[in-house]
Each structure stands twice: as C-alpha cells, then as structure tokens.
Amino acid sequence: MPPTSVASIRWLAAPTSASWLQQAISRPMEVLIDHAHCERKAAGSAVQLMFRYLCEPGLGEVLSPLAREELEHFEQVLALLQARGRYLEPLPSPGYGGFLAKHIRKGEPLRMLDSFLVAGLIEARSHERMALLAEHSLEQDLKDLYGSLLLSEARHFGLYWVLCEQRWDRSVIVPRLEELAEVEVQALTGVLEKPEDVRMHSCGVDSF
C-alpha cells in the first residue's frame, strides 16, 4: 500500500495546543520519563494483540517487528535518561489510554477494528507531539532523540491503518475512525492543574 494512502487519512481531530508544548519543554524530564513508559506500553499493546488474535493471518508478521521496534525506542529513551543521571520512575498516568480503551467495543470483529484504530490514534498523537518537541525542545539531545523517532512513529500508525484496510472496507473504517478521533480529543481536553503532571499524552488540544 503506497504511503500516500495512509498519509491522506486524517487521524487527529484537533491539533496539540501551544500550552501543552510550553508545559512539555518546561518540564523535559517528566516528559522523557513518561515517554519511556509510553514506548514500553506500546510494545506491550502490540504483543497483547498478537496473543489475543493468535491465529489471525498476517497479524504476527506485522506486530512482532513493531513490538521489537517499540522496545528499541524504550532502550533509546532509557539510555538518555541514564546519561542525565536518572532512571525509569513511576509516574501518575494522565488517563489518556484508559479513556480510549473504554470506547473499544466488546464484540468481535468490531473489537479488533477499534483496537487497531485506538492504537493508531495513540501513535498518531505521539508522532505529532514528538515532531513539536523535535523542533522546539531547548536541549539538543532531546531534539535529536525526538527527531530520530519521527519516521518510525509515522510508520507505526500507518501499519495499524493497513491492518484495518486489509480486513474492512473504508466505508466501515473511516466513520469509526472519525468517532474515535473525537473521543481522543475528549481525552486531551481540559487544563493541567499542576505543571509537574505534564505527560506525552496529558491534556492540551485546540478544539474547534
């Protein structure tokens, strides 16, 4: 499937706000530690889908390399944390992933479709925010890290789109993607009360 086919799909229903970017570049360590957790969770999600749909043709061939790449990214972020004298630490979750998960339908095959689309939306938002951090972070090592991950992050949400399009018609996929994209905006709507609670997926979108 040509890359332009995925690029033409509008994943996000609203862009990240300037307030989130300012919060993120002001608290780089919180975002970096959370980013490590995000890469770990993304790998786990891919593996979980492989086990849930163990005999689904063509799924393991896509999700196994994806999980390995997410773990490689986790290791990259961990290495930068260690270079800065820090390590992985527990952080309160912003609730973003859990909010999206509640909107995944229970019955199959719609559960599979929604699971792919939610995973793709998370990857798309991560890509958008990493691009902002690659451009605006105040420290070069952070710019380099986020910039180095952009191509693979774009490929990741493209892979989830391909998994959908191999199994459903666009007339089924696109309306559901639009619904879930609105849910994704709801998950990021609001005002951050404490600066130290900024995360890769904390609130901060420009809703229209």
N, C-alpha and C. Protein backbone atom coordinates (compact mmCIF):
# COMPACT_ATOMS: atom_id res chain seq x y z
N MET A 1 0.84 -1.18 0.00
CA MET A 1 0.00 0.00 0.00
C MET A 1 0.88 1.24 0.00
N PRO A 2 0.70 2.19 -0.93
CA PRO A 2 1.56 3.36 -1.01
C PRO A 2 1.44 4.22 0.24
N PRO A 3 2.55 4.84 0.71
CA PRO A 3 2.50 5.67 1.90
C PRO A 3 1.46 6.78 1.81
N THR A 4 1.24 7.31 0.60
CA THR A 4 0.30 8.41 0.45
C THR A 4 -1.11 7.98 0.82
N SER A 5 -1.42 6.70 0.71
CA SER A 5 -2.75 6.22 1.07
C SER A 5 -3.00 6.39 2.56
N VAL A 6 -1.96 6.17 3.36
CA VAL A 6 -2.08 6.37 4.80
C VAL A 6 -2.01 7.86 5.13
N ALA A 7 -1.10 8.58 4.47
CA ALA A 7 -0.93 10.00 4.75
C ALA A 7 -2.20 10.78 4.47
N SER A 8 -3.01 10.30 3.53
CA SER A 8 -4.23 11.01 3.16
C SER A 8 -5.34 10.83 4.18
N ILE A 9 -5.17 9.90 5.12
CA ILE A 9 -6.18 9.66 6.14
C ILE A 9 -5.97 10.66 7.28
N ARG A 10 -7.05 11.33 7.64
CA ARG A 10 -6.96 12.29 8.72
C ARG A 10 -7.17 11.57 10.04
N TRP A 11 -6.12 11.41 10.80
CA TRP A 11 -6.20 10.67 12.06
C TRP A 11 -6.67 11.56 13.20
N LEU A 12 -6.05 12.69 13.41
CA LEU A 12 -6.32 13.51 14.59
C LEU A 12 -7.38 14.56 14.28
N ALA A 13 -8.33 14.70 15.21
CA ALA A 13 -9.45 15.63 15.00
C ALA A 13 -9.12 17.05 15.47
N ALA A 14 -8.04 17.22 16.23
CA ALA A 14 -7.64 18.55 16.70
C ALA A 14 -6.15 18.54 16.98
N PRO A 15 -5.48 19.67 16.73
CA PRO A 15 -4.03 19.73 16.96
C PRO A 15 -3.69 19.97 18.42
N THR A 16 -2.49 19.61 18.80
CA THR A 16 -1.97 19.89 20.13
C THR A 16 -1.86 21.40 20.32
N SER A 17 -2.15 21.85 21.53
CA SER A 17 -2.14 23.29 21.82
C SER A 17 -0.74 23.80 22.14
N ALA A 18 -0.59 25.11 22.01
CA ALA A 18 0.67 25.76 22.37
C ALA A 18 0.92 25.63 23.87
N SER A 19 -0.14 25.56 24.66
CA SER A 19 0.04 25.44 26.11
C SER A 19 0.69 24.11 26.48
N TRP A 20 0.28 23.01 25.79
CA TRP A 20 0.92 21.72 26.07
C TRP A 20 2.41 21.80 25.72
N LEU A 21 2.72 22.37 24.58
CA LEU A 21 4.12 22.44 24.15
C LEU A 21 4.95 23.22 25.16
N GLN A 22 4.41 24.34 25.64
CA GLN A 22 5.15 25.13 26.61
C GLN A 22 5.36 24.36 27.91
N GLN A 23 4.33 23.65 28.35
CA GLN A 23 4.44 22.83 29.55
C GLN A 23 5.49 21.73 29.36
N ALA A 24 5.48 21.11 28.19
CA ALA A 24 6.38 19.99 27.93
C ALA A 24 7.83 20.42 27.86
N ILE A 25 8.11 21.52 27.19
CA ILE A 25 9.50 21.94 27.07
C ILE A 25 10.00 22.55 28.39
N SER A 26 9.07 22.94 29.27
CA SER A 26 9.46 23.46 30.58
C SER A 26 9.76 22.36 31.59
N ARG A 27 9.22 21.16 31.34
CA ARG A 27 9.43 20.02 32.25
C ARG A 27 9.93 18.83 31.45
N PRO A 28 11.13 18.93 30.86
CA PRO A 28 11.60 17.89 29.94
C PRO A 28 11.78 16.52 30.58
N MET A 29 12.17 16.47 31.84
CA MET A 29 12.42 15.16 32.45
C MET A 29 11.14 14.39 32.69
N GLU A 30 10.08 15.10 33.11
CA GLU A 30 8.80 14.41 33.29
C GLU A 30 8.32 13.81 31.98
N VAL A 31 8.46 14.57 30.90
CA VAL A 31 8.02 14.08 29.59
C VAL A 31 8.90 12.94 29.13
N LEU A 32 10.20 13.03 29.38
CA LEU A 32 11.13 11.98 28.95
C LEU A 32 10.86 10.66 29.69
N ILE A 33 10.65 10.76 31.00
CA ILE A 33 10.34 9.54 31.76
C ILE A 33 9.02 8.95 31.29
N ASP A 34 8.02 9.81 31.09
CA ASP A 34 6.73 9.32 30.60
C ASP A 34 6.86 8.72 29.21
N HIS A 35 7.72 9.30 28.39
CA HIS A 35 7.95 8.78 27.05
C HIS A 35 8.47 7.34 27.12
N ALA A 36 9.39 7.09 28.04
CA ALA A 36 9.88 5.71 28.20
C ALA A 36 8.73 4.77 28.54
N HIS A 37 7.87 5.19 29.44
CA HIS A 37 6.71 4.37 29.79
C HIS A 37 5.82 4.16 28.55
N CYS A 38 5.64 5.19 27.75
CA CYS A 38 4.80 5.08 26.54
C CYS A 38 5.35 4.05 25.57
N GLU A 39 6.66 4.05 25.37
CA GLU A 39 7.27 3.09 24.44
C GLU A 39 7.10 1.67 24.99
N ARG A 40 7.26 1.50 26.29
CA ARG A 40 7.08 0.20 26.92
C ARG A 40 5.63 -0.27 26.75
N LYS A 41 4.69 0.62 26.98
CA LYS A 41 3.27 0.26 26.84
C LYS A 41 2.91 -0.05 25.39
N ALA A 42 3.49 0.69 24.44
CA ALA A 42 3.20 0.44 23.03
C ALA A 42 3.67 -0.95 22.62
N ALA A 43 4.83 -1.34 23.11
CA ALA A 43 5.32 -2.70 22.83
C ALA A 43 4.38 -3.72 23.44
N GLY A 44 3.96 -3.48 24.68
CA GLY A 44 3.05 -4.39 25.35
C GLY A 44 1.72 -4.51 24.64
N SER A 45 1.22 -3.41 24.11
CA SER A 45 -0.06 -3.43 23.39
C SER A 45 0.03 -4.28 22.13
N ALA A 46 1.15 -4.13 21.41
CA ALA A 46 1.33 -4.93 20.20
C ALA A 46 1.38 -6.42 20.53
N VAL A 47 2.10 -6.76 21.58
CA VAL A 47 2.19 -8.16 21.99
C VAL A 47 0.83 -8.67 22.45
N GLN A 48 0.11 -7.86 23.18
CA GLN A 48 -1.22 -8.25 23.66
C GLN A 48 -2.16 -8.56 22.49
N LEU A 49 -2.11 -7.74 21.44
CA LEU A 49 -2.94 -8.00 20.26
C LEU A 49 -2.52 -9.30 19.57
N MET A 50 -1.22 -9.57 19.54
CA MET A 50 -0.75 -10.82 18.95
C MET A 50 -1.31 -12.03 19.68
N PHE A 51 -1.35 -11.96 21.02
CA PHE A 51 -1.85 -13.08 21.80
C PHE A 51 -3.37 -13.18 21.74
N ARG A 52 -4.03 -12.02 21.69
CA ARG A 52 -5.50 -12.06 21.63
C ARG A 52 -5.97 -12.66 20.32
N TYR A 53 -5.27 -12.32 19.23
CA TYR A 53 -5.66 -12.81 17.90
C TYR A 53 -4.56 -13.73 17.36
N LEU A 54 -4.31 -14.75 18.14
CA LEU A 54 -3.16 -15.63 17.90
C LEU A 54 -3.14 -16.21 16.49
N CYS A 55 -4.30 -16.59 15.97
CA CYS A 55 -4.36 -17.28 14.67
C CYS A 55 -4.82 -16.37 13.55
N GLU A 56 -4.83 -15.06 13.78
CA GLU A 56 -5.26 -14.12 12.73
C GLU A 56 -4.16 -14.02 11.68
N PRO A 57 -4.45 -14.40 10.42
CA PRO A 57 -3.43 -14.37 9.36
C PRO A 57 -2.84 -12.97 9.16
N GLY A 58 -1.52 -12.92 9.07
CA GLY A 58 -0.82 -11.68 8.76
C GLY A 58 -0.61 -10.74 9.92
N LEU A 59 -1.10 -11.10 11.10
CA LEU A 59 -1.00 -10.16 12.22
C LEU A 59 0.36 -10.24 12.92
N GLY A 60 0.80 -11.46 13.22
CA GLY A 60 2.08 -11.62 13.89
C GLY A 60 3.24 -11.07 13.08
N GLU A 61 3.16 -11.21 11.75
CA GLU A 61 4.24 -10.73 10.89
C GLU A 61 4.40 -9.22 10.96
N VAL A 62 3.32 -8.52 11.30
CA VAL A 62 3.36 -7.06 11.42
C VAL A 62 3.66 -6.62 12.85
N LEU A 63 2.98 -7.23 13.81
CA LEU A 63 3.06 -6.75 15.19
C LEU A 63 4.33 -7.19 15.92
N SER A 64 4.91 -8.32 15.55
CA SER A 64 6.14 -8.74 16.22
C SER A 64 7.29 -7.76 15.96
N PRO A 65 7.56 -7.39 14.68
CA PRO A 65 8.60 -6.38 14.45
C PRO A 65 8.26 -5.03 15.08
N LEU A 66 6.95 -4.69 15.09
CA LEU A 66 6.54 -3.43 15.71
C LEU A 66 6.87 -3.42 17.19
N ALA A 67 6.56 -4.51 17.89
CA ALA A 67 6.87 -4.60 19.32
C ALA A 67 8.37 -4.48 19.57
N ARG A 68 9.17 -5.13 18.73
CA ARG A 68 10.63 -5.05 18.90
C ARG A 68 11.12 -3.62 18.71
N GLU A 69 10.57 -2.93 17.73
CA GLU A 69 11.00 -1.55 17.48
C GLU A 69 10.59 -0.63 18.62
N GLU A 70 9.40 -0.85 19.18
CA GLU A 70 8.98 -0.05 20.33
C GLU A 70 9.94 -0.26 21.50
N LEU A 71 10.39 -1.51 21.70
CA LEU A 71 11.34 -1.78 22.79
C LEU A 71 12.70 -1.15 22.50
N GLU A 72 13.08 -1.10 21.24
CA GLU A 72 14.32 -0.40 20.88
C GLU A 72 14.21 1.09 21.23
N HIS A 73 13.05 1.67 20.97
CA HIS A 73 12.83 3.08 21.32
C HIS A 73 12.87 3.26 22.84
N PHE A 74 12.26 2.32 23.55
CA PHE A 74 12.31 2.34 25.01
C PHE A 74 13.76 2.37 25.49
N GLU A 75 14.60 1.54 24.88
CA GLU A 75 16.01 1.49 25.27
C GLU A 75 16.72 2.80 24.95
N GLN A 76 16.38 3.43 23.82
CA GLN A 76 16.97 4.72 23.47
C GLN A 76 16.63 5.78 24.52
N VAL A 77 15.36 5.83 24.90
CA VAL A 77 14.93 6.82 25.89
C VAL A 77 15.58 6.51 27.24
N LEU A 78 15.64 5.25 27.59
CA LEU A 78 16.26 4.85 28.86
C LEU A 78 17.73 5.26 28.90
N ALA A 79 18.41 5.08 27.78
CA ALA A 79 19.83 5.46 27.71
C ALA A 79 20.01 6.96 27.92
N LEU A 80 19.12 7.77 27.36
CA LEU A 80 19.22 9.22 27.54
C LEU A 80 18.91 9.59 28.99
N LEU A 81 17.94 8.92 29.58
CA LEU A 81 17.64 9.16 30.99
C LEU A 81 18.87 8.86 31.86
N GLN A 82 19.52 7.73 31.59
CA GLN A 82 20.70 7.35 32.37
C GLN A 82 21.84 8.34 32.15
N ALA A 83 21.97 8.83 30.93
CA ALA A 83 23.01 9.83 30.64
C ALA A 83 22.77 11.12 31.41
N ARG A 84 21.52 11.36 31.76
CA ARG A 84 21.17 12.54 32.54
C ARG A 84 21.10 12.25 34.04
N GLY A 85 21.56 11.07 34.42
CA GLY A 85 21.61 10.73 35.83
C GLY A 85 20.29 10.31 36.43
N ARG A 86 19.36 9.90 35.59
CA ARG A 86 18.04 9.48 36.06
C ARG A 86 17.76 8.06 35.56
N TYR A 87 16.65 7.51 36.00
CA TYR A 87 16.23 6.19 35.55
C TYR A 87 14.72 6.19 35.46
N LEU A 88 14.17 5.06 35.05
CA LEU A 88 12.72 4.95 34.95
C LEU A 88 12.11 5.07 36.34
N GLU A 89 11.10 5.92 36.46
CA GLU A 89 10.43 6.15 37.73
C GLU A 89 8.93 6.03 37.53
N PRO A 90 8.20 5.63 38.58
CA PRO A 90 6.73 5.60 38.45
C PRO A 90 6.19 7.02 38.32
N LEU A 91 5.24 7.20 37.43
CA LEU A 91 4.58 8.49 37.27
C LEU A 91 3.07 8.26 37.23
N PRO A 92 2.29 9.14 37.85
CA PRO A 92 0.84 9.03 37.72
C PRO A 92 0.44 9.17 36.25
N SER A 93 -0.46 8.31 35.81
CA SER A 93 -0.89 8.33 34.42
C SER A 93 -1.88 9.46 34.17
N PRO A 94 -1.85 10.07 32.99
CA PRO A 94 -2.86 11.08 32.67
C PRO A 94 -4.23 10.48 32.37
N GLY A 95 -4.32 9.17 32.26
CA GLY A 95 -5.60 8.52 32.00
C GLY A 95 -6.00 8.47 30.54
N TYR A 96 -5.12 8.92 29.68
CA TYR A 96 -5.42 9.00 28.23
C TYR A 96 -5.72 7.64 27.63
N GLY A 97 -4.82 6.69 27.81
CA GLY A 97 -5.00 5.36 27.22
C GLY A 97 -6.21 4.65 27.78
N GLY A 98 -6.43 4.78 29.10
CA GLY A 98 -7.58 4.14 29.71
C GLY A 98 -8.89 4.70 29.20
N PHE A 99 -8.93 6.01 28.99
CA PHE A 99 -10.14 6.65 28.47
C PHE A 99 -10.47 6.12 27.08
N LEU A 100 -9.45 6.02 26.23
CA LEU A 100 -9.66 5.48 24.89
C LEU A 100 -10.09 4.03 24.92
N ALA A 101 -9.48 3.25 25.80
CA ALA A 101 -9.79 1.82 25.88
C ALA A 101 -11.26 1.58 26.24
N LYS A 102 -11.85 2.48 27.02
CA LYS A 102 -13.25 2.32 27.42
C LYS A 102 -14.21 2.42 26.23
N HIS A 103 -13.74 3.00 25.14
CA HIS A 103 -14.59 3.18 23.96
C HIS A 103 -14.38 2.10 22.90
N ILE A 104 -13.56 1.11 23.21
CA ILE A 104 -13.41 -0.04 22.30
C ILE A 104 -14.60 -0.97 22.50
N ARG A 105 -15.27 -1.30 21.43
CA ARG A 105 -16.45 -2.15 21.52
C ARG A 105 -16.06 -3.57 21.93
N LYS A 106 -16.98 -4.27 22.56
CA LYS A 106 -16.67 -5.56 23.17
C LYS A 106 -16.74 -6.74 22.18
N GLY A 107 -17.71 -6.73 21.31
CA GLY A 107 -17.91 -7.88 20.43
C GLY A 107 -17.00 -7.88 19.22
N GLU A 108 -16.59 -9.08 18.81
CA GLU A 108 -15.77 -9.21 17.61
C GLU A 108 -16.68 -9.28 16.37
N PRO A 109 -16.20 -8.82 15.21
CA PRO A 109 -14.84 -8.32 14.92
C PRO A 109 -14.65 -6.83 15.19
N LEU A 110 -15.69 -6.17 15.74
CA LEU A 110 -15.59 -4.73 15.95
C LEU A 110 -14.55 -4.38 17.02
N ARG A 111 -14.35 -5.29 17.97
CA ARG A 111 -13.31 -5.06 18.97
C ARG A 111 -11.94 -4.98 18.32
N MET A 112 -11.70 -5.84 17.35
CA MET A 112 -10.42 -5.82 16.64
C MET A 112 -10.25 -4.50 15.89
N LEU A 113 -11.28 -4.10 15.17
CA LEU A 113 -11.20 -2.84 14.42
C LEU A 113 -10.90 -1.68 15.36
N ASP A 114 -11.67 -1.56 16.43
CA ASP A 114 -11.46 -0.45 17.36
C ASP A 114 -10.08 -0.50 18.01
N SER A 115 -9.60 -1.70 18.32
CA SER A 115 -8.28 -1.84 18.93
C SER A 115 -7.19 -1.33 18.00
N PHE A 116 -7.30 -1.65 16.71
CA PHE A 116 -6.32 -1.16 15.74
C PHE A 116 -6.40 0.36 15.61
N LEU A 117 -7.62 0.88 15.56
CA LEU A 117 -7.79 2.33 15.38
C LEU A 117 -7.33 3.11 16.60
N VAL A 118 -7.61 2.62 17.79
CA VAL A 118 -7.15 3.29 19.00
C VAL A 118 -5.62 3.27 19.07
N ALA A 119 -5.02 2.13 18.76
CA ALA A 119 -3.55 2.06 18.74
C ALA A 119 -2.98 3.03 17.72
N GLY A 120 -3.62 3.12 16.55
CA GLY A 120 -3.16 4.05 15.53
C GLY A 120 -3.29 5.50 15.95
N LEU A 121 -4.39 5.83 16.64
CA LEU A 121 -4.58 7.20 17.11
C LEU A 121 -3.52 7.58 18.14
N ILE A 122 -3.20 6.66 19.03
CA ILE A 122 -2.16 6.94 20.02
C ILE A 122 -0.82 7.17 19.33
N GLU A 123 -0.52 6.35 18.34
CA GLU A 123 0.74 6.53 17.59
C GLU A 123 0.73 7.87 16.84
N ALA A 124 -0.41 8.22 16.27
CA ALA A 124 -0.50 9.48 15.52
C ALA A 124 -0.29 10.68 16.44
N ARG A 125 -0.90 10.64 17.63
CA ARG A 125 -0.70 11.76 18.57
C ARG A 125 0.74 11.80 19.05
N SER A 126 1.32 10.64 19.30
CA SER A 126 2.73 10.61 19.72
C SER A 126 3.61 11.22 18.64
N HIS A 127 3.35 10.86 17.39
CA HIS A 127 4.13 11.40 16.28
C HIS A 127 4.01 12.92 16.22
N GLU A 128 2.78 13.42 16.35
CA GLU A 128 2.56 14.87 16.28
C GLU A 128 3.32 15.59 17.39
N ARG A 129 3.26 15.05 18.60
CA ARG A 129 3.89 15.73 19.72
C ARG A 129 5.41 15.57 19.71
N MET A 130 5.90 14.44 19.24
CA MET A 130 7.35 14.29 19.09
C MET A 130 7.90 15.27 18.06
N ALA A 131 7.13 15.51 17.01
CA ALA A 131 7.56 16.48 16.00
C ALA A 131 7.67 17.88 16.61
N LEU A 132 6.73 18.23 17.46
CA LEU A 132 6.79 19.53 18.14
C LEU A 132 8.01 19.60 19.06
N LEU A 133 8.27 18.51 19.78
CA LEU A 133 9.42 18.50 20.69
C LEU A 133 10.74 18.50 19.93
N ALA A 134 10.77 17.82 18.79
CA ALA A 134 11.99 17.81 17.97
C ALA A 134 12.32 19.21 17.48
N GLU A 135 11.30 19.99 17.23
CA GLU A 135 11.52 21.35 16.72
C GLU A 135 11.77 22.36 17.83
N HIS A 136 11.10 22.20 18.98
CA HIS A 136 11.08 23.28 19.97
C HIS A 136 11.81 22.98 21.27
N SER A 137 12.24 21.74 21.51
CA SER A 137 12.95 21.45 22.76
C SER A 137 14.18 22.35 22.88
N LEU A 138 14.52 22.69 24.11
CA LEU A 138 15.59 23.65 24.35
C LEU A 138 16.97 23.00 24.38
N GLU A 139 17.01 21.67 24.42
CA GLU A 139 18.29 20.97 24.53
C GLU A 139 18.49 20.08 23.31
N GLN A 140 19.72 20.07 22.79
CA GLN A 140 19.99 19.39 21.53
C GLN A 140 19.79 17.89 21.62
N ASP A 141 20.14 17.27 22.77
CA ASP A 141 19.99 15.82 22.85
C ASP A 141 18.52 15.41 22.79
N LEU A 142 17.63 16.27 23.31
CA LEU A 142 16.19 15.99 23.20
C LEU A 142 15.70 16.19 21.77
N LYS A 143 16.16 17.25 21.14
CA LYS A 143 15.82 17.46 19.73
C LYS A 143 16.23 16.25 18.89
N ASP A 144 17.44 15.77 19.14
CA ASP A 144 17.97 14.64 18.37
C ASP A 144 17.15 13.37 18.61
N LEU A 145 16.82 13.12 19.88
CA LEU A 145 16.06 11.92 20.21
C LEU A 145 14.70 11.93 19.52
N TYR A 146 13.94 12.99 19.74
CA TYR A 146 12.59 13.03 19.18
C TYR A 146 12.62 13.05 17.66
N GLY A 147 13.58 13.75 17.10
CA GLY A 147 13.69 13.79 15.64
C GLY A 147 14.01 12.42 15.06
N SER A 148 14.82 11.63 15.78
CA SER A 148 15.22 10.32 15.27
C SER A 148 14.07 9.32 15.27
N LEU A 149 13.03 9.59 16.05
CA LEU A 149 11.92 8.64 16.17
C LEU A 149 10.76 8.95 15.23
N LEU A 150 10.78 10.09 14.57
CA LEU A 150 9.60 10.53 13.82
C LEU A 150 9.22 9.59 12.69
N LEU A 151 10.20 9.14 11.92
CA LEU A 151 9.88 8.31 10.76
C LEU A 151 9.23 7.00 11.19
N SER A 152 9.77 6.37 12.22
CA SER A 152 9.20 5.10 12.65
C SER A 152 7.84 5.30 13.29
N GLU A 153 7.63 6.41 14.01
CA GLU A 153 6.32 6.66 14.61
C GLU A 153 5.26 6.84 13.52
N ALA A 154 5.62 7.52 12.45
CA ALA A 154 4.68 7.67 11.33
C ALA A 154 4.37 6.31 10.70
N ARG A 155 5.38 5.49 10.59
CA ARG A 155 5.17 4.15 10.02
C ARG A 155 4.27 3.31 10.92
N HIS A 156 4.37 3.52 12.23
CA HIS A 156 3.59 2.71 13.16
C HIS A 156 2.09 2.95 13.00
N PHE A 157 1.67 4.22 12.94
CA PHE A 157 0.23 4.40 12.78
C PHE A 157 -0.21 4.00 11.38
N GLY A 158 0.72 4.05 10.42
CA GLY A 158 0.41 3.53 9.09
C GLY A 158 0.19 2.03 9.10
N LEU A 159 0.97 1.31 9.91
CA LEU A 159 0.80 -0.14 10.00
C LEU A 159 -0.58 -0.51 10.55
N TYR A 160 -1.04 0.24 11.55
CA TYR A 160 -2.36 -0.05 12.10
C TYR A 160 -3.46 0.25 11.09
N TRP A 161 -3.24 1.28 10.28
CA TRP A 161 -4.21 1.55 9.21
C TRP A 161 -4.25 0.39 8.21
N VAL A 162 -3.10 -0.09 7.82
CA VAL A 162 -3.04 -1.20 6.86
C VAL A 162 -3.74 -2.43 7.42
N LEU A 163 -3.53 -2.72 8.71
CA LEU A 163 -4.21 -3.86 9.32
C LEU A 163 -5.72 -3.72 9.23
N CYS A 164 -6.20 -2.49 9.40
CA CYS A 164 -7.65 -2.26 9.25
C CYS A 164 -8.08 -2.45 7.80
N GLU A 165 -7.35 -1.85 6.88
CA GLU A 165 -7.80 -1.84 5.48
C GLU A 165 -7.70 -3.23 4.84
N GLN A 166 -6.87 -4.07 5.39
CA GLN A 166 -6.80 -5.45 4.90
C GLN A 166 -8.02 -6.26 5.30
N ARG A 167 -8.78 -5.76 6.28
CA ARG A 167 -9.89 -6.54 6.83
C ARG A 167 -11.26 -5.90 6.67
N TRP A 168 -11.31 -4.60 6.46
CA TRP A 168 -12.59 -3.90 6.34
C TRP A 168 -12.53 -2.90 5.20
N ASP A 169 -13.68 -2.56 4.69
CA ASP A 169 -13.80 -1.53 3.66
C ASP A 169 -13.66 -0.15 4.30
N ARG A 170 -13.18 0.81 3.53
CA ARG A 170 -13.04 2.17 4.07
C ARG A 170 -14.37 2.75 4.54
N SER A 171 -15.47 2.31 3.93
CA SER A 171 -16.78 2.81 4.34
C SER A 171 -17.10 2.40 5.78
N VAL A 172 -16.44 1.36 6.27
CA VAL A 172 -16.58 0.93 7.66
C VAL A 172 -15.53 1.60 8.54
N ILE A 173 -14.30 1.69 8.04
CA ILE A 173 -13.19 2.18 8.85
C ILE A 173 -13.28 3.68 9.12
N VAL A 174 -13.49 4.45 8.08
CA VAL A 174 -13.37 5.91 8.21
C VAL A 174 -14.39 6.51 9.18
N PRO A 175 -15.68 6.15 9.09
CA PRO A 175 -16.62 6.72 10.08
C PRO A 175 -16.25 6.36 11.52
N ARG A 176 -15.79 5.14 11.73
CA ARG A 176 -15.41 4.75 13.09
C ARG A 176 -14.14 5.49 13.53
N LEU A 177 -13.20 5.68 12.62
CA LEU A 177 -12.01 6.45 12.95
C LEU A 177 -12.39 7.87 13.35
N GLU A 178 -13.32 8.47 12.63
CA GLU A 178 -13.75 9.83 12.95
C GLU A 178 -14.39 9.89 14.33
N GLU A 179 -15.17 8.87 14.68
CA GLU A 179 -15.79 8.83 16.01
C GLU A 179 -14.72 8.71 17.10
N LEU A 180 -13.79 7.81 16.90
CA LEU A 180 -12.75 7.60 17.91
C LEU A 180 -11.79 8.79 17.99
N ALA A 181 -11.58 9.47 16.87
CA ALA A 181 -10.73 10.67 16.89
C ALA A 181 -11.36 11.76 17.75
N GLU A 182 -12.69 11.86 17.74
CA GLU A 182 -13.37 12.81 18.62
C GLU A 182 -13.21 12.40 20.08
N VAL A 183 -13.28 11.10 20.34
CA VAL A 183 -13.05 10.60 21.70
C VAL A 183 -11.63 10.94 22.15
N GLU A 184 -10.67 10.79 21.24
CA GLU A 184 -9.27 11.09 21.56
C GLU A 184 -9.11 12.55 21.95
N VAL A 185 -9.82 13.44 21.28
CA VAL A 185 -9.77 14.86 21.64
C VAL A 185 -10.38 15.08 23.03
N GLN A 186 -11.48 14.39 23.31
CA GLN A 186 -12.08 14.49 24.65
C GLN A 186 -11.07 14.08 25.73
N ALA A 187 -10.29 13.06 25.43
CA ALA A 187 -9.30 12.57 26.41
C ALA A 187 -8.22 13.61 26.70
N LEU A 188 -8.01 14.54 25.78
CA LEU A 188 -6.96 15.54 25.93
C LEU A 188 -7.50 16.93 26.21
N THR A 189 -8.81 17.03 26.41
CA THR A 189 -9.43 18.32 26.68
C THR A 189 -9.38 18.63 28.17
N GLY A 190 -9.07 19.88 28.47
CA GLY A 190 -9.01 20.29 29.88
C GLY A 190 -7.77 21.14 30.14
N VAL A 191 -7.58 21.46 31.39
CA VAL A 191 -6.46 22.32 31.81
C VAL A 191 -5.61 21.55 32.81
N LEU A 192 -4.32 21.59 32.61
CA LEU A 192 -3.40 20.91 33.52
C LEU A 192 -3.29 21.73 34.81
N GLU A 193 -3.62 21.10 35.93
CA GLU A 193 -3.65 21.82 37.20
C GLU A 193 -2.26 22.00 37.79
N LYS A 194 -1.40 20.98 37.64
CA LYS A 194 -0.05 21.05 38.22
C LYS A 194 0.98 20.87 37.11
N PRO A 195 1.96 21.77 37.00
CA PRO A 195 2.96 21.69 35.94
C PRO A 195 3.70 20.36 35.90
N GLU A 196 3.93 19.77 37.08
CA GLU A 196 4.69 18.51 37.12
C GLU A 196 3.90 17.33 36.58
N ASP A 197 2.63 17.51 36.28
CA ASP A 197 1.80 16.42 35.74
C ASP A 197 1.81 16.39 34.21
N VAL A 198 2.65 17.19 33.58
CA VAL A 198 2.72 17.14 32.11
C VAL A 198 3.25 15.78 31.67
N ARG A 199 2.63 15.23 30.64
CA ARG A 199 3.00 13.93 30.09
C ARG A 199 2.94 14.00 28.57
N MET A 200 3.46 12.96 27.92
CA MET A 200 3.39 12.91 26.47
C MET A 200 1.93 13.02 26.00
N HIS A 201 1.02 12.44 26.79
CA HIS A 201 -0.40 12.46 26.41
C HIS A 201 -1.24 13.15 27.47
N SER A 202 -0.72 14.21 28.10
CA SER A 202 -1.55 14.99 29.01
C SER A 202 -2.39 15.99 28.22
N CYS A 203 -3.36 16.60 28.89
CA CYS A 203 -4.34 17.45 28.19
C CYS A 203 -3.65 18.63 27.51
N GLY A 204 -4.27 19.07 26.44
CA GLY A 204 -3.75 20.19 25.68
C GLY A 204 -3.99 20.05 24.18
N VAL A 205 -5.21 20.41 23.76
CA VAL A 205 -5.55 20.42 22.34
C VAL A 205 -6.32 21.69 22.03
N ASP A 206 -6.24 22.11 20.78
CA ASP A 206 -7.03 23.25 20.30
C ASP A 206 -8.29 22.69 19.64
N SER A 207 -9.39 22.72 20.36
CA SER A 207 -10.65 22.22 19.83
C SER A 207 -11.36 23.35 19.07
N PHE A 208 -12.00 22.97 17.98
CA PHE A 208 -12.67 23.96 17.15
C PHE A 208 -14.17 23.84 17.32
